[in-house]
Amino acid sequence: MRSIFFLSFLASFKKVIQLSIINKIQWCFTQAMWKHRYLKITKMQ
């Protein structure tokens, strides 16, 4: 019984880690995009 609970806990923990990593990557990507856009706008002026 305990091992099943532990395995399910591990699986959910893994999912949370994967989601946080994906969120971090997406956030970094959007930050880079905005920086690029901002630089483009400032260069044009």
N, C-alpha and C. Protein backbone atom coordinates (compact mmCIF):
# COMPACT_ATOMS: atom_id res chain seq x y z
N MET A 1 0.83 -1.20 0.00
CA MET A 1 0.00 0.00 0.00
C MET A 1 0.87 1.26 0.00
N ARG A 2 1.88 1.26 0.84
CA ARG A 2 2.73 2.44 0.97
C ARG A 2 3.51 2.71 -0.31
N SER A 3 3.99 1.63 -0.95
CA SER A 3 4.79 1.79 -2.17
C SER A 3 3.96 2.43 -3.29
N ILE A 4 2.68 2.04 -3.39
CA ILE A 4 1.79 2.61 -4.43
C ILE A 4 1.64 4.11 -4.19
N PHE A 5 1.43 4.49 -2.93
CA PHE A 5 1.28 5.90 -2.58
C PHE A 5 2.56 6.66 -2.93
N PHE A 6 3.69 6.06 -2.61
CA PHE A 6 4.99 6.69 -2.87
C PHE A 6 5.20 6.88 -4.37
N LEU A 7 4.85 5.87 -5.16
CA LEU A 7 5.01 5.96 -6.62
C LEU A 7 4.13 7.06 -7.20
N SER A 8 2.89 7.15 -6.73
CA SER A 8 1.99 8.19 -7.24
C SER A 8 2.51 9.57 -6.85
N PHE A 9 3.05 9.66 -5.62
CA PHE A 9 3.63 10.92 -5.16
C PHE A 9 4.81 11.31 -6.04
N LEU A 10 5.65 10.36 -6.35
CA LEU A 10 6.81 10.60 -7.22
C LEU A 10 6.37 11.07 -8.59
N ALA A 11 5.36 10.43 -9.14
CA ALA A 11 4.86 10.78 -10.47
C ALA A 11 4.34 12.23 -10.49
N SER A 12 3.56 12.60 -9.47
CA SER A 12 3.02 13.96 -9.43
C SER A 12 4.15 14.96 -9.22
N PHE A 13 5.14 14.59 -8.41
CA PHE A 13 6.29 15.47 -8.16
C PHE A 13 7.06 15.72 -9.45
N LYS A 14 7.24 14.66 -10.22
CA LYS A 14 7.93 14.75 -11.52
C LYS A 14 7.17 15.70 -12.44
N LYS A 15 5.84 15.57 -12.46
CA LYS A 15 4.99 16.41 -13.30
C LYS A 15 5.16 17.87 -12.93
N VAL A 16 5.16 18.15 -11.63
CA VAL A 16 5.30 19.53 -11.15
C VAL A 16 6.65 20.10 -11.59
N ILE A 17 7.71 19.31 -11.45
CA ILE A 17 9.04 19.77 -11.86
C ILE A 17 9.08 20.07 -13.35
N GLN A 18 8.52 19.17 -14.15
CA GLN A 18 8.48 19.36 -15.60
C GLN A 18 7.73 20.64 -15.95
N LEU A 19 6.58 20.87 -15.29
CA LEU A 19 5.78 22.06 -15.57
C LEU A 19 6.54 23.32 -15.20
N SER A 20 7.23 23.31 -14.07
CA SER A 20 7.97 24.49 -13.65
C SER A 20 9.12 24.79 -14.60
N ILE A 21 9.78 23.73 -15.09
CA ILE A 21 10.86 23.91 -16.06
C ILE A 21 10.32 24.51 -17.36
N ILE A 22 9.18 23.97 -17.82
CA ILE A 22 8.57 24.49 -19.05
C ILE A 22 8.18 25.95 -18.87
N ASN A 23 7.59 26.27 -17.70
CA ASN A 23 7.20 27.65 -17.44
C ASN A 23 8.41 28.57 -17.45
N LYS A 24 9.51 28.12 -16.85
CA LYS A 24 10.74 28.93 -16.81
C LYS A 24 11.26 29.18 -18.21
N ILE A 25 11.28 28.14 -19.04
CA ILE A 25 11.76 28.27 -20.42
C ILE A 25 10.88 29.25 -21.19
N GLN A 26 9.56 29.10 -21.05
CA GLN A 26 8.63 29.99 -21.74
C GLN A 26 8.83 31.43 -21.29
N TRP A 27 9.02 31.63 -19.96
CA TRP A 27 9.21 32.97 -19.44
C TRP A 27 10.48 33.59 -20.00
N CYS A 28 11.58 32.84 -20.00
CA CYS A 28 12.84 33.33 -20.56
C CYS A 28 12.68 33.66 -22.04
N PHE A 29 11.95 32.82 -22.76
CA PHE A 29 11.74 33.04 -24.18
C PHE A 29 10.96 34.33 -24.43
N THR A 30 9.89 34.54 -23.66
CA THR A 30 9.09 35.76 -23.83
C THR A 30 9.91 36.99 -23.45
N GLN A 31 10.72 36.87 -22.40
CA GLN A 31 11.58 37.99 -22.02
C GLN A 31 12.53 38.35 -23.15
N ALA A 32 13.13 37.35 -23.76
CA ALA A 32 14.06 37.57 -24.87
C ALA A 32 13.34 38.21 -26.06
N MET A 33 12.12 37.74 -26.33
CA MET A 33 11.33 38.29 -27.43
C MET A 33 11.05 39.78 -27.20
N TRP A 34 10.63 40.11 -25.97
CA TRP A 34 10.31 41.50 -25.66
C TRP A 34 11.56 42.36 -25.75
N LYS A 35 12.67 41.86 -25.27
CA LYS A 35 13.93 42.60 -25.34
C LYS A 35 14.29 42.89 -26.79
N HIS A 36 14.16 41.87 -27.63
CA HIS A 36 14.47 41.99 -29.05
C HIS A 36 13.57 43.05 -29.70
N ARG A 37 12.28 42.99 -29.39
CA ARG A 37 11.32 43.96 -29.93
C ARG A 37 11.66 45.37 -29.48
N TYR A 38 11.97 45.51 -28.21
CA TYR A 38 12.29 46.82 -27.64
C TYR A 38 13.52 47.41 -28.31
N LEU A 39 14.54 46.58 -28.51
CA LEU A 39 15.77 47.04 -29.17
C LEU A 39 15.48 47.46 -30.60
N LYS A 40 14.63 46.70 -31.28
CA LYS A 40 14.26 47.03 -32.66
C LYS A 40 13.59 48.41 -32.70
N ILE A 41 12.66 48.65 -31.79
CA ILE A 41 11.92 49.92 -31.75
C ILE A 41 12.89 51.07 -31.45
N THR A 42 13.78 50.89 -30.50
CA THR A 42 14.70 51.97 -30.13
C THR A 42 15.70 52.25 -31.25
N LYS A 43 16.10 51.22 -31.97
CA LYS A 43 17.03 51.42 -33.09
C LYS A 43 16.39 52.19 -34.23
N MET A 44 15.09 51.96 -34.45
CA MET A 44 14.38 52.60 -35.55
C MET A 44 14.24 54.11 -35.33
N GLN A 45 14.15 54.54 -34.09
CA GLN A 45 13.93 55.96 -33.80
C GLN A 45 15.15 56.82 -34.13
